[in-house]
PDB file of N, CA and C in Angstrom:
ATOM      1  N   UNK A   1     -22.761  39.069-104.571  1.00  0.00           N
ATOM      2  CA  UNK A   1     -22.487  39.706-103.296  1.00  0.00           C
ATOM      3  C   UNK A   1     -21.975  41.119-103.535  1.00  0.00           C
ATOM      4  N   UNK A   2     -22.486  42.013-102.731  1.00  0.00           N
ATOM      5  CA  UNK A   2     -21.994  43.379-102.890  1.00  0.00           C
ATOM      6  C   UNK A   2     -20.694  43.565-102.107  1.00  0.00           C
ATOM      7  N   UNK A   3     -20.076  44.675-102.299  1.00  0.00           N
ATOM      8  CA  UNK A   3     -18.761  44.960-101.712  1.00  0.00           C
ATOM      9  C   UNK A   3     -18.808  44.957-100.186  1.00  0.00           C
ATOM     10  N   UNK A   4     -19.840  45.503 -99.570  1.00  0.00           N
ATOM     11  CA  UNK A   4     -19.949  45.540 -98.108  1.00  0.00           C
ATOM     12  C   UNK A   4     -20.069  44.142 -97.520  1.00  0.00           C
ATOM     13  N   UNK A   5     -20.778  43.256 -98.187  1.00  0.00           N
ATOM     14  CA  UNK A   5     -20.922  41.886 -97.698  1.00  0.00           C
ATOM     15  C   UNK A   5     -19.585  41.149 -97.753  1.00  0.00           C
ATOM     16  N   UNK A   6     -18.836  41.336 -98.827  1.00  0.00           N
ATOM     17  CA  UNK A   6     -17.523  40.706 -98.955  1.00  0.00           C
ATOM     18  C   UNK A   6     -16.587  41.232 -97.868  1.00  0.00           C
ATOM     19  N   UNK A   7     -16.585  42.526 -97.640  1.00  0.00           N
ATOM     20  CA  UNK A   7     -15.760  43.115 -96.584  1.00  0.00           C
ATOM     21  C   UNK A   7     -16.142  42.562 -95.221  1.00  0.00           C
ATOM     22  N   UNK A   8     -17.416  42.390 -94.960  1.00  0.00           N
ATOM     23  CA  UNK A   8     -17.875  41.852 -93.680  1.00  0.00           C
ATOM     24  C   UNK A   8     -17.406  40.411 -93.504  1.00  0.00           C
ATOM     25  N   UNK A   9     -17.482  39.605 -94.564  1.00  0.00           N
ATOM     26  CA  UNK A   9     -17.025  38.213 -94.489  1.00  0.00           C
ATOM     27  C   UNK A   9     -15.525  38.171 -94.193  1.00  0.00           C
ATOM     28  N   UNK A  10     -14.744  38.986 -94.879  1.00  0.00           N
ATOM     29  CA  UNK A  10     -13.306  39.018 -94.632  1.00  0.00           C
ATOM     30  C   UNK A  10     -12.993  39.515 -93.221  1.00  0.00           C
ATOM     31  N   UNK A  11     -13.728  40.467 -92.726  1.00  0.00           N
ATOM     32  CA  UNK A  11     -13.521  40.961 -91.368  1.00  0.00           C
ATOM     33  C   UNK A  11     -13.802  39.863 -90.349  1.00  0.00           C
ATOM     34  N   UNK A  12     -14.865  39.115 -90.537  1.00  0.00           N
ATOM     35  CA  UNK A  12     -15.200  38.021 -89.619  1.00  0.00           C
ATOM     36  C   UNK A  12     -14.116  36.945 -89.676  1.00  0.00           C
ATOM     37  N   UNK A  13     -13.654  36.604 -90.865  1.00  0.00           N
ATOM     38  CA  UNK A  13     -12.590  35.616 -91.002  1.00  0.00           C
ATOM     39  C   UNK A  13     -11.291  36.087 -90.342  1.00  0.00           C
ATOM     40  N   UNK A  14     -10.971  37.358 -90.489  1.00  0.00           N
ATOM     41  CA  UNK A  14      -9.756  37.901 -89.877  1.00  0.00           C
ATOM     42  C   UNK A  14      -9.840  37.850 -88.358  1.00  0.00           C
ATOM     43  N   UNK A  15     -10.978  38.205 -87.792  1.00  0.00           N
ATOM     44  CA  UNK A  15     -11.153  38.160 -86.337  1.00  0.00           C
ATOM     45  C   UNK A  15     -11.068  36.720 -85.845  1.00  0.00           C
ATOM     46  N   UNK A  16     -11.677  35.791 -86.568  1.00  0.00           N
ATOM     47  CA  UNK A  16     -11.622  34.378 -86.174  1.00  0.00           C
ATOM     48  C   UNK A  16     -10.187  33.857 -86.237  1.00  0.00           C
ATOM     49  N   UNK A  17      -9.464  34.239 -87.265  1.00  0.00           N
ATOM     50  CA  UNK A  17      -8.073  33.813 -87.405  1.00  0.00           C
ATOM     51  C   UNK A  17      -7.216  34.354 -86.266  1.00  0.00           C
ATOM     52  N   UNK A  18      -7.399  35.606 -85.925  1.00  0.00           N
ATOM     53  CA  UNK A  18      -6.647  36.204 -84.814  1.00  0.00           C
ATOM     54  C   UNK A  18      -7.015  35.533 -83.498  1.00  0.00           C
ATOM     55  N   UNK A  19      -8.286  35.200 -83.313  1.00  0.00           N
ATOM     56  CA  UNK A  19      -8.721  34.548 -82.081  1.00  0.00           C
ATOM     57  C   UNK A  19      -8.125  33.153 -81.945  1.00  0.00           C
ATOM     58  N   UNK A  20      -7.956  32.470 -83.061  1.00  0.00           N
ATOM     59  CA  UNK A  20      -7.419  31.111 -83.014  1.00  0.00           C
ATOM     60  C   UNK A  20      -5.893  31.120 -82.926  1.00  0.00           C
ATOM     61  N   UNK A  21      -5.248  31.916 -83.732  1.00  0.00           N
ATOM     62  CA  UNK A  21      -3.790  31.906 -83.808  1.00  0.00           C
ATOM     63  C   UNK A  21      -3.137  32.850 -82.796  1.00  0.00           C
ATOM     64  N   UNK A  22      -3.841  33.863 -82.361  1.00  0.00           N
ATOM     65  CA  UNK A  22      -3.284  34.865 -81.457  1.00  0.00           C
ATOM     66  C   UNK A  22      -2.647  34.302 -80.202  1.00  0.00           C
ATOM     67  N   UNK A  23      -3.318  33.422 -79.450  1.00  0.00           N
ATOM     68  CA  UNK A  23      -2.699  32.875 -78.239  1.00  0.00           C
ATOM     69  C   UNK A  23      -1.416  32.099 -78.521  1.00  0.00           C
ATOM     70  N   UNK A  24      -1.383  31.368 -79.631  1.00  0.00           N
ATOM     71  CA  UNK A  24      -0.167  30.628 -79.977  1.00  0.00           C
ATOM     72  C   UNK A  24       0.987  31.590 -80.263  1.00  0.00           C
ATOM     73  N   UNK A  25       0.716  32.650 -81.026  1.00  0.00           N
ATOM     74  CA  UNK A  25       1.749  33.636 -81.341  1.00  0.00           C
ATOM     75  C   UNK A  25       2.235  34.315 -80.056  1.00  0.00           C
ATOM     76  N   UNK A  26       1.319  34.656 -79.173  1.00  0.00           N
ATOM     77  CA  UNK A  26       1.682  35.281 -77.909  1.00  0.00           C
ATOM     78  C   UNK A  26       2.583  34.355 -77.096  1.00  0.00           C
ATOM     79  N   UNK A  27       2.240  33.075 -77.031  1.00  0.00           N
ATOM     80  CA  UNK A  27       3.062  32.102 -76.298  1.00  0.00           C
ATOM     81  C   UNK A  27       4.459  32.000 -76.914  1.00  0.00           C
ATOM     82  N   UNK A  28       4.531  31.915 -78.225  1.00  0.00           N
ATOM     83  CA  UNK A  28       5.820  31.812 -78.899  1.00  0.00           C
ATOM     84  C   UNK A  28       6.685  33.050 -78.636  1.00  0.00           C
ATOM     85  N   UNK A  29       6.088  34.200 -78.628  1.00  0.00           N
ATOM     86  CA  UNK A  29       6.832  35.438 -78.370  1.00  0.00           C
ATOM     87  C   UNK A  29       7.359  35.471 -76.938  1.00  0.00           C
ATOM     88  N   UNK A  30       6.577  34.963 -76.003  1.00  0.00           N
ATOM     89  CA  UNK A  30       7.002  34.955 -74.595  1.00  0.00           C
ATOM     90  C   UNK A  30       8.136  33.978 -74.346  1.00  0.00           C
ATOM     91  N   UNK A  31       8.238  32.913 -75.138  1.00  0.00           N
ATOM     92  CA  UNK A  31       9.263  31.907 -74.898  1.00  0.00           C
ATOM     93  C   UNK A  31      10.575  32.187 -75.633  1.00  0.00           C
ATOM     94  N   UNK A  32      10.649  33.254 -76.393  1.00  0.00           N
ATOM     95  CA  UNK A  32      11.903  33.615 -77.047  1.00  0.00           C
ATOM     96  C   UNK A  32      12.931  34.009 -75.991  1.00  0.00           C
ATOM     97  N   UNK A  33      14.194  33.640 -76.192  1.00  0.00           N
ATOM     98  CA  UNK A  33      15.197  34.042 -75.214  1.00  0.00           C
ATOM     99  C   UNK A  33      15.422  35.543 -75.264  1.00  0.00           C
ATOM    100  N   UNK A  34      15.751  36.092 -74.121  1.00  0.00           N
ATOM    101  CA  UNK A  34      16.026  37.522 -74.045  1.00  0.00           C
ATOM    102  C   UNK A  34      17.407  37.846 -74.582  1.00  0.00           C
ATOM    103  N   UNK A  35      17.767  39.106 -74.486  1.00  0.00           N
ATOM    104  CA  UNK A  35      19.054  39.557 -75.026  1.00  0.00           C
ATOM    105  C   UNK A  35      20.227  38.969 -74.248  1.00  0.00           C
ATOM    106  N   UNK A  36      20.102  38.854 -72.920  1.00  0.00           N
ATOM    107  CA  UNK A  36      21.217  38.365 -72.110  1.00  0.00           C
ATOM    108  C   UNK A  36      21.548  36.899 -72.413  1.00  0.00           C
ATOM    109  N   UNK A  37      20.560  35.977 -72.449  1.00  0.00           N
ATOM    110  CA  UNK A  37      20.919  34.604 -72.810  1.00  0.00           C
ATOM    111  C   UNK A  37      21.525  34.483 -74.206  1.00  0.00           C
ATOM    112  N   UNK A  38      21.048  35.267 -75.137  1.00  0.00           N
ATOM    113  CA  UNK A  38      21.621  35.220 -76.481  1.00  0.00           C
ATOM    114  C   UNK A  38      23.043  35.763 -76.483  1.00  0.00           C
ATOM    115  N   UNK A  39      23.288  36.796 -75.727  1.00  0.00           N
ATOM    116  CA  UNK A  39      24.640  37.355 -75.652  1.00  0.00           C
ATOM    117  C   UNK A  39      25.595  36.352 -75.013  1.00  0.00           C
ATOM    118  N   UNK A  40      25.106  35.585 -74.033  1.00  0.00           N
ATOM    119  CA  UNK A  40      25.950  34.575 -73.398  1.00  0.00           C
ATOM    120  C   UNK A  40      26.332  33.466 -74.374  1.00  0.00           C
ATOM    121  N   UNK A  41      25.497  33.202 -75.353  1.00  0.00           N
ATOM    122  CA  UNK A  41      25.763  32.149 -76.322  1.00  0.00           C
ATOM    123  C   UNK A  41      26.518  32.648 -77.548  1.00  0.00           C
ATOM    124  N   UNK A  42      26.792  33.934 -77.629  1.00  0.00           N
ATOM    125  CA  UNK A  42      27.417  34.479 -78.832  1.00  0.00           C
ATOM    126  C   UNK A  42      28.845  33.991 -79.035  1.00  0.00           C
ATOM    127  N   UNK A  43      29.488  33.535 -77.973  1.00  0.00           N
ATOM    128  CA  UNK A  43      30.864  33.053 -78.088  1.00  0.00           C
ATOM    129  C   UNK A  43      30.925  31.566 -78.404  1.00  0.00           C
ATOM    130  N   UNK A  44      29.779  30.927 -78.563  1.00  0.00           N
ATOM    131  CA  UNK A  44      29.756  29.495 -78.851  1.00  0.00           C
ATOM    132  C   UNK A  44      29.720  29.241 -80.353  1.00  0.00           C
ATOM    133  N   UNK A  45      30.088  28.031 -80.726  1.00  0.00           N
ATOM    134  CA  UNK A  45      30.039  27.617 -82.117  1.00  0.00           C
ATOM    135  C   UNK A  45      29.574  26.166 -82.177  1.00  0.00           C
ATOM    136  N   UNK A  46      29.110  25.752 -83.335  1.00  0.00           N
ATOM    137  CA  UNK A  46      28.667  24.379 -83.548  1.00  0.00           C
ATOM    138  C   UNK A  46      29.717  23.669 -84.403  1.00  0.00           C
ATOM    139  N   UNK A  47      30.174  22.533 -83.898  1.00  0.00           N
ATOM    140  CA  UNK A  47      31.160  21.728 -84.623  1.00  0.00           C
ATOM    141  C   UNK A  47      30.475  20.434 -85.051  1.00  0.00           C
ATOM    142  N   UNK A  48      30.618  20.094 -86.312  1.00  0.00           N
ATOM    143  CA  UNK A  48      30.076  18.844 -86.828  1.00  0.00           C
ATOM    144  C   UNK A  48      31.222  17.862 -86.990  1.00  0.00           C
ATOM    145  N   UNK A  49      31.065  16.696 -86.377  1.00  0.00           N
ATOM    146  CA  UNK A  49      32.073  15.655 -86.458  1.00  0.00           C
ATOM    147  C   UNK A  49      31.544  14.482 -87.267  1.00  0.00           C
ATOM    148  N   UNK A  50      32.375  13.940 -88.133  1.00  0.00           N
ATOM    149  CA  UNK A  50      32.057  12.669 -88.767  1.00  0.00           C
ATOM    150  C   UNK A  50      32.631  11.599 -87.848  1.00  0.00           C
ATOM    151  N   UNK A  51      31.765  10.712 -87.357  1.00  0.00           N
ATOM    152  CA  UNK A  51      32.173   9.704 -86.387  1.00  0.00           C
ATOM    153  C   UNK A  51      32.022   8.328 -87.016  1.00  0.00           C
ATOM    154  N   UNK A  52      33.085   7.556 -86.973  1.00  0.00           N
ATOM    155  CA  UNK A  52      33.054   6.196 -87.520  1.00  0.00           C
ATOM    156  C   UNK A  52      33.263   5.184 -86.403  1.00  0.00           C
ATOM    157  N   UNK A  53      32.689   4.008 -86.600  1.00  0.00           N
ATOM    158  CA  UNK A  53      32.837   2.925 -85.637  1.00  0.00           C
ATOM    159  C   UNK A  53      31.599   2.673 -84.799  1.00  0.00           C
ATOM    160  N   UNK A  54      30.576   3.510 -84.929  1.00  0.00           N
ATOM    161  CA  UNK A  54      29.346   3.306 -84.161  1.00  0.00           C
ATOM    162  C   UNK A  54      28.521   2.203 -84.798  1.00  0.00           C
ATOM    163  N   UNK A  55      28.122   1.225 -83.984  1.00  0.00           N
ATOM    164  CA  UNK A  55      27.306   0.132 -84.504  1.00  0.00           C
ATOM    165  C   UNK A  55      25.988  -0.034 -83.764  1.00  0.00           C
ATOM    166  N   UNK A  56      25.850   0.590 -82.592  1.00  0.00           N
ATOM    167  CA  UNK A  56      24.632   0.384 -81.800  1.00  0.00           C
ATOM    168  C   UNK A  56      24.348   1.626 -80.952  1.00  0.00           C
ATOM    169  N   UNK A  57      23.235   1.580 -80.238  1.00  0.00           N
ATOM    170  CA  UNK A  57      22.867   2.726 -79.399  1.00  0.00           C
ATOM    171  C   UNK A  57      23.814   2.882 -78.215  1.00  0.00           C
ATOM    172  N   UNK A  58      24.433   1.799 -77.766  1.00  0.00           N
ATOM    173  CA  UNK A  58      25.406   1.901 -76.673  1.00  0.00           C
ATOM    174  C   UNK A  58      26.643   2.672 -77.134  1.00  0.00           C
ATOM    175  N   UNK A  59      27.065   2.438 -78.368  1.00  0.00           N
ATOM    176  CA  UNK A  59      28.188   3.206 -78.936  1.00  0.00           C
ATOM    177  C   UNK A  59      27.841   4.689 -78.974  1.00  0.00           C
ATOM    178  N   UNK A  60      26.652   4.969 -79.440  1.00  0.00           N
ATOM    179  CA  UNK A  60      26.162   6.347 -79.536  1.00  0.00           C
ATOM    180  C   UNK A  60      26.159   7.008 -78.151  1.00  0.00           C
ATOM    181  N   UNK A  61      25.665   6.286 -77.148  1.00  0.00           N
ATOM    182  CA  UNK A  61      25.592   6.828 -75.785  1.00  0.00           C
ATOM    183  C   UNK A  61      26.980   7.054 -75.200  1.00  0.00           C
ATOM    184  N   UNK A  62      27.900   6.155 -75.489  1.00  0.00           N
ATOM    185  CA  UNK A  62      29.268   6.293 -74.986  1.00  0.00           C
ATOM    186  C   UNK A  62      29.947   7.531 -75.567  1.00  0.00           C
ATOM    187  N   UNK A  63      29.786   7.736 -76.847  1.00  0.00           N
ATOM    188  CA  UNK A  63      30.381   8.911 -77.500  1.00  0.00           C
ATOM    189  C   UNK A  63      29.738  10.178 -76.976  1.00  0.00           C
ATOM    190  N   UNK A  64      28.427  10.185 -76.831  1.00  0.00           N
ATOM    191  CA  UNK A  64      27.727  11.364 -76.306  1.00  0.00           C
ATOM    192  C   UNK A  64      28.221  11.704 -74.907  1.00  0.00           C
ATOM    193  N   UNK A  65      28.374  10.689 -74.059  1.00  0.00           N
ATOM    194  CA  UNK A  65      28.826  10.928 -72.684  1.00  0.00           C
ATOM    195  C   UNK A  65      30.232  11.524 -72.656  1.00  0.00           C
ATOM    196  N   UNK A  66      31.131  10.994 -73.471  1.00  0.00           N
ATOM    197  CA  UNK A  66      32.497  11.531 -73.510  1.00  0.00           C
ATOM    198  C   UNK A  66      32.518  12.968 -74.017  1.00  0.00           C
ATOM    199  N   UNK A  67      31.733  13.240 -75.046  1.00  0.00           N
ATOM    200  CA  UNK A  67      31.694  14.612 -75.575  1.00  0.00           C
ATOM    201  C   UNK A  67      31.117  15.574 -74.546  1.00  0.00           C
ATOM    202  N   UNK A  68      30.024  15.186 -73.878  1.00  0.00           N
ATOM    203  CA  UNK A  68      29.396  16.072 -72.898  1.00  0.00           C
ATOM    204  C   UNK A  68      30.300  16.333 -71.694  1.00  0.00           C
ATOM    205  N   UNK A  69      31.198  15.383 -71.376  1.00  0.00           N
ATOM    206  CA  UNK A  69      32.119  15.559 -70.254  1.00  0.00           C
ATOM    207  C   UNK A  69      33.350  16.373 -70.619  1.00  0.00           C
ATOM    208  N   UNK A  70      33.517  16.690 -71.886  1.00  0.00           N
ATOM    209  CA  UNK A  70      34.686  17.454 -72.324  1.00  0.00           C
ATOM    210  C   UNK A  70      34.548  18.918 -71.924  1.00  0.00           C
ATOM    211  N   UNK A  71      35.663  19.566 -71.586  1.00  0.00           N
ATOM    212  CA  UNK A  71      35.601  20.972 -71.197  1.00  0.00           C
ATOM    213  C   UNK A  71      35.166  21.861 -72.360  1.00  0.00           C
ATOM    214  N   UNK A  72      34.272  22.795 -72.066  1.00  0.00           N
ATOM    215  CA  UNK A  72      33.810  23.747 -73.068  1.00  0.00           C
ATOM    216  C   UNK A  72      32.592  23.309 -73.849  1.00  0.00           C
ATOM    217  N   UNK A  73      32.154  22.060 -73.665  1.00  0.00           N
ATOM    218  CA  UNK A  73      30.996  21.555 -74.404  1.00  0.00           C
ATOM    219  C   UNK A  73      29.716  21.938 -73.673  1.00  0.00           C
ATOM    220  N   UNK A  74      28.831  22.627 -74.378  1.00  0.00           N
ATOM    221  CA  UNK A  74      27.541  23.010 -73.803  1.00  0.00           C
ATOM    222  C   UNK A  74      26.513  21.906 -73.996  1.00  0.00           C
ATOM    223  N   UNK A  75      26.458  21.350 -75.191  1.00  0.00           N
ATOM    224  CA  UNK A  75      25.528  20.265 -75.495  1.00  0.00           C
ATOM    225  C   UNK A  75      25.994  19.557 -76.755  1.00  0.00           C
ATOM    226  N   UNK A  76      25.489  18.340 -76.947  1.00  0.00           N
ATOM    227  CA  UNK A  76      25.824  17.627 -78.177  1.00  0.00           C
ATOM    228  C   UNK A  76      24.706  16.660 -78.526  1.00  0.00           C
ATOM    229  N   UNK A  77      24.686  16.303 -79.781  1.00  0.00           N
ATOM    230  CA  UNK A  77      23.734  15.313 -80.296  1.00  0.00           C
ATOM    231  C   UNK A  77      24.503  14.381 -81.211  1.00  0.00           C
ATOM    232  N   UNK A  78      24.375  13.092 -80.956  1.00  0.00           N
ATOM    233  CA  UNK A  78      25.063  12.083 -81.755  1.00  0.00           C
ATOM    234  C   UNK A  78      24.007  11.316 -82.541  1.00  0.00           C
ATOM    235  N   UNK A  79      24.227  11.189 -83.849  1.00  0.00           N
ATOM    236  CA  UNK A  79      23.287  10.485 -84.726  1.00  0.00           C
ATOM    237  C   UNK A  79      24.016   9.343 -85.431  1.00  0.00           C
ATOM    238  N   UNK A  80      23.750   8.147 -84.960  1.00  0.00           N
ATOM    239  CA  UNK A  80      24.417   6.959 -85.496  1.00  0.00           C
ATOM    240  C   UNK A  80      24.104   6.761 -86.980  1.00  0.00           C
ATOM    241  N   UNK A  81      22.853   6.963 -87.387  1.00  0.00           N
ATOM    242  CA  UNK A  81      22.459   6.760 -88.776  1.00  0.00           C
ATOM    243  C   UNK A  81      23.168   7.687 -89.747  1.00  0.00           C
ATOM    244  N   UNK A  82      23.474   8.885 -89.288  1.00  0.00           N
ATOM    245  CA  UNK A  82      24.169   9.861 -90.136  1.00  0.00           C
ATOM    246  C   UNK A  82      25.680   9.795 -89.967  1.00  0.00           C
ATOM    247  N   UNK A  83      26.129   9.036 -88.963  1.00  0.00           N
ATOM    248  CA  UNK A  83      27.547   8.993 -88.592  1.00  0.00           C
ATOM    249  C   UNK A  83      28.062  10.397 -88.287  1.00  0.00           C
ATOM    250  N   UNK A  84      27.277  11.143 -87.535  1.00  0.00           N
ATOM    251  CA  UNK A  84      27.617  12.529 -87.216  1.00  0.00           C
ATOM    252  C   UNK A  84      27.397  12.808 -85.727  1.00  0.00           C
ATOM    253  N   UNK A  85      28.162  13.764 -85.234  1.00  0.00           N
ATOM    254  CA  UNK A  85      27.946  14.332 -83.913  1.00  0.00           C
ATOM    255  C   UNK A  85      27.937  15.844 -84.084  1.00  0.00           C
ATOM    256  N   UNK A  86      26.931  16.489 -83.518  1.00  0.00           N
ATOM    257  CA  UNK A  86      26.807  17.942 -83.572  1.00  0.00           C
ATOM    258  C   UNK A  86      27.058  18.461 -82.163  1.00  0.00           C
ATOM    259  N   UNK A  87      28.096  19.258 -82.003  1.00  0.00           N
ATOM    260  CA  UNK A  87      28.539  19.678 -80.683  1.00  0.00           C
ATOM    261  C   UNK A  87      28.541  21.201 -80.595  1.00  0.00           C
ATOM    262  N   UNK A  88      27.909  21.739 -79.551  1.00  0.00           N
ATOM    263  CA  UNK A  88      27.939  23.176 -79.279  1.00  0.00           C
ATOM    264  C   UNK A  88      29.017  23.404 -78.235  1.00  0.00           C
ATOM    265  N   UNK A  89      30.048  24.169 -78.605  1.00  0.00           N
ATOM    266  CA  UNK A  89      31.202  24.389 -77.732  1.00  0.00           C
ATOM    267  C   UNK A  89      31.533  25.872 -77.642  1.00  0.00           C
ATOM    268  N   UNK A  90      32.328  26.190 -76.628  1.00  0.00           N
ATOM    269  CA  UNK A  90      32.864  27.542 -76.530  1.00  0.00           C
ATOM    270  C   UNK A  90      33.786  27.792 -77.713  1.00  0.00           C
ATOM    271  N   UNK A  91      33.877  29.033 -78.106  1.00  0.00           N
ATOM    272  CA  UNK A  91      34.714  29.382 -79.244  1.00  0.00           C
ATOM    273  C   UNK A  91      36.181  29.072 -79.036  1.00  0.00           C
ATOM    274  N   UNK A  92      36.622  29.018 -77.780  1.00  0.00           N
ATOM    275  CA  UNK A  92      38.033  28.777 -77.494  1.00  0.00           C
ATOM    276  C   UNK A  92      38.386  27.297 -77.398  1.00  0.00           C
ATOM    277  N   UNK A  93      37.399  26.426 -77.456  1.00  0.00           N
ATOM    278  CA  UNK A  93      37.666  24.989 -77.355  1.00  0.00           C
ATOM    279  C   UNK A  93      38.206  24.479 -78.690  1.00  0.00           C
ATOM    280  N   UNK A  94      39.389  23.867 -78.661  1.00  0.00           N
ATOM    281  CA  UNK A  94      39.949  23.378 -79.928  1.00  0.00           C
ATOM    282  C   UNK A  94      39.215  22.127 -80.421  1.00  0.00           C
ATOM    283  N   UNK A  95      39.202  21.952 -81.727  1.00  0.00           N
ATOM    284  CA  UNK A  95      38.562  20.780 -82.317  1.00  0.00           C
ATOM    285  C   UNK A  95      39.226  19.483 -81.871  1.00  0.00           C
ATOM    286  N   UNK A  96      40.520  19.539 -81.596  1.00  0.00           N
ATOM    287  CA  UNK A  96      41.245  18.335 -81.179  1.00  0.00           C
ATOM    288  C   UNK A  96      40.701  17.780 -79.863  1.00  0.00           C
ATOM    289  N   UNK A  97      40.144  18.632 -79.013  1.00  0.00           N
ATOM    290  CA  UNK A  97      39.535  18.171 -77.764  1.00  0.00           C
ATOM    291  C   UNK A  97      38.346  17.269 -78.057  1.00  0.00           C
ATOM    292  N   UNK A  98      37.571  17.630 -79.045  1.00  0.00           N
ATOM    293  CA  UNK A  98      36.391  16.838 -79.404  1.00  0.00           C
ATOM    294  C   UNK A  98      36.780  15.527 -80.061  1.00  0.00           C
ATOM    295  N   UNK A  99      37.752  15.570 -80.951  1.00  0.00           N
ATOM    296  CA  UNK A  99      38.225  14.354 -81.615  1.00  0.00           C
ATOM    297  C   UNK A  99      38.805  13.397 -80.580  1.00  0.00           C
ATOM    298  N   UNK A 100      39.543  13.909 -79.608  1.00  0.00           N
ATOM    299  CA  UNK A 100      40.115  13.076 -78.547  1.00  0.00           C
ATOM    300  C   UNK A 100      39.024  12.458 -77.682  1.00  0.00           C
ATOM    301  N   UNK A 101      37.963  13.202 -77.439  1.00  0.00           N
ATOM    302  CA  UNK A 101      36.856  12.671 -76.642  1.00  0.00           C
ATOM    303  C   UNK A 101      36.207  11.479 -77.336  1.00  0.00           C
ATOM    304  N   UNK A 102      36.069  11.544 -78.649  1.00  0.00           N
ATOM    305  CA  UNK A 102      35.497  10.413 -79.393  1.00  0.00           C
ATOM    306  C   UNK A 102      36.421   9.207 -79.295  1.00  0.00           C
ATOM    307  N   UNK A 103      37.713   9.428 -79.387  1.00  0.00           N
ATOM    308  CA  UNK A 103      38.674   8.314 -79.279  1.00  0.00           C
ATOM    309  C   UNK A 103      38.633   7.684 -77.890  1.00  0.00           C
ATOM    310  N   UNK A 104      38.452   8.521 -76.849  1.00  0.00           N
ATOM    311  CA  UNK A 104      38.370   8.006 -75.475  1.00  0.00           C
ATOM    312  C   UNK A 104      37.117   7.162 -75.249  1.00  0.00           C
ATOM    313  N   UNK A 105      36.091   7.360 -76.065  1.00  0.00           N
ATOM    314  CA  UNK A 105      34.839   6.621 -75.890  1.00  0.00           C
ATOM    315  C   UNK A 105      35.007   5.142 -76.198  1.00  0.00           C
ATOM    316  N   UNK A 106      36.000   4.768 -76.978  1.00  0.00           N
ATOM    317  CA  UNK A 106      36.231   3.366 -77.299  1.00  0.00           C
ATOM    318  C   UNK A 106      37.300   3.217 -78.351  1.00  0.00           C
ATOM    319  N   UNK A 107      37.909   2.042 -78.370  1.00  0.00           N
ATOM    320  CA  UNK A 107      39.047   1.813 -79.266  1.00  0.00           C
ATOM    321  C   UNK A 107      38.661   1.855 -80.744  1.00  0.00           C
ATOM    322  N   UNK A 108      37.439   1.494 -81.071  1.00  0.00           N
ATOM    323  CA  UNK A 108      37.051   1.430 -82.470  1.00  0.00           C
ATOM    324  C   UNK A 108      36.489   2.720 -83.037  1.00  0.00           C
ATOM    325  N   UNK A 109      36.452   3.780 -82.245  1.00  0.00           N
ATOM    326  CA  UNK A 109      35.843   5.033 -82.687  1.00  0.00           C
ATOM    327  C   UNK A 109      36.912   6.011 -83.145  1.00  0.00           C
ATOM    328  N   UNK A 110      36.623   6.715 -84.205  1.00  0.00           N
ATOM    329  CA  UNK A 110      37.464   7.834 -84.614  1.00  0.00           C
ATOM    330  C   UNK A 110      36.588   8.887 -85.248  1.00  0.00           C
ATOM    331  N   UNK A 111      37.083  10.112 -85.225  1.00  0.00           N
ATOM    332  CA  UNK A 111      36.289  11.234 -85.718  1.00  0.00           C
ATOM    333  C   UNK A 111      37.170  12.233 -86.438  1.00  0.00           C
ATOM    334  N   UNK A 112      36.506  13.001 -87.283  1.00  0.00           N
ATOM    335  CA  UNK A 112      37.177  14.128 -87.930  1.00  0.00           C
ATOM    336  C   UNK A 112      36.139  15.246 -88.071  1.00  0.00           C
ATOM    337  N   UNK A 113      36.626  16.455 -88.059  1.00  0.00           N
ATOM    338  CA  UNK A 113      35.754  17.623 -88.184  1.00  0.00           C
ATOM    339  C   UNK A 113      35.312  17.748 -89.628  1.00  0.00           C
ATOM    340  N   UNK A 114      34.012  17.950 -89.807  1.00  0.00           N
ATOM    341  CA  UNK A 114      33.463  18.141 -91.139  1.00  0.00           C
ATOM    342  C   UNK A 114      33.574  19.618 -91.490  1.00  0.00           C
ATOM    343  N   UNK A 115      34.216  19.897 -92.588  1.00  0.00           N
ATOM    344  CA  UNK A 115      34.318  21.285 -93.051  1.00  0.00           C
ATOM    345  C   UNK A 115      33.410  21.443 -94.250  1.00  0.00           C
ATOM    346  N   UNK A 116      32.806  22.593 -94.341  1.00  0.00           N
ATOM    347  CA  UNK A 116      31.862  22.829 -95.437  1.00  0.00           C
ATOM    348  C   UNK A 116      32.490  23.593 -96.545  1.00  0.00           C
TER     349      UNK A 116
END
């Protein structure tokens, strides 16, 4: 193959790749949060809790409900298999609020903040 033929093949492949991937990239770019939503979240932090006493999905749901009802909590995810809860909170929310919420979920539950 001569050089012009190779260049033509690569050009066709590049156009096909852009045609296939381009709409997906455009969609992903449009769904990125703007500056204002990101600025609103800049005061938040993620707290990881080690949670003990969970034995079933009802335990998991009870802990999640208590954490989500706590002041300053934006969202949380509780994973029974990992014995962890990941909580997004305002920067001013003390860790003791989250630990207390886990204790309120049931007598057999206790938590501690995981430090890295």
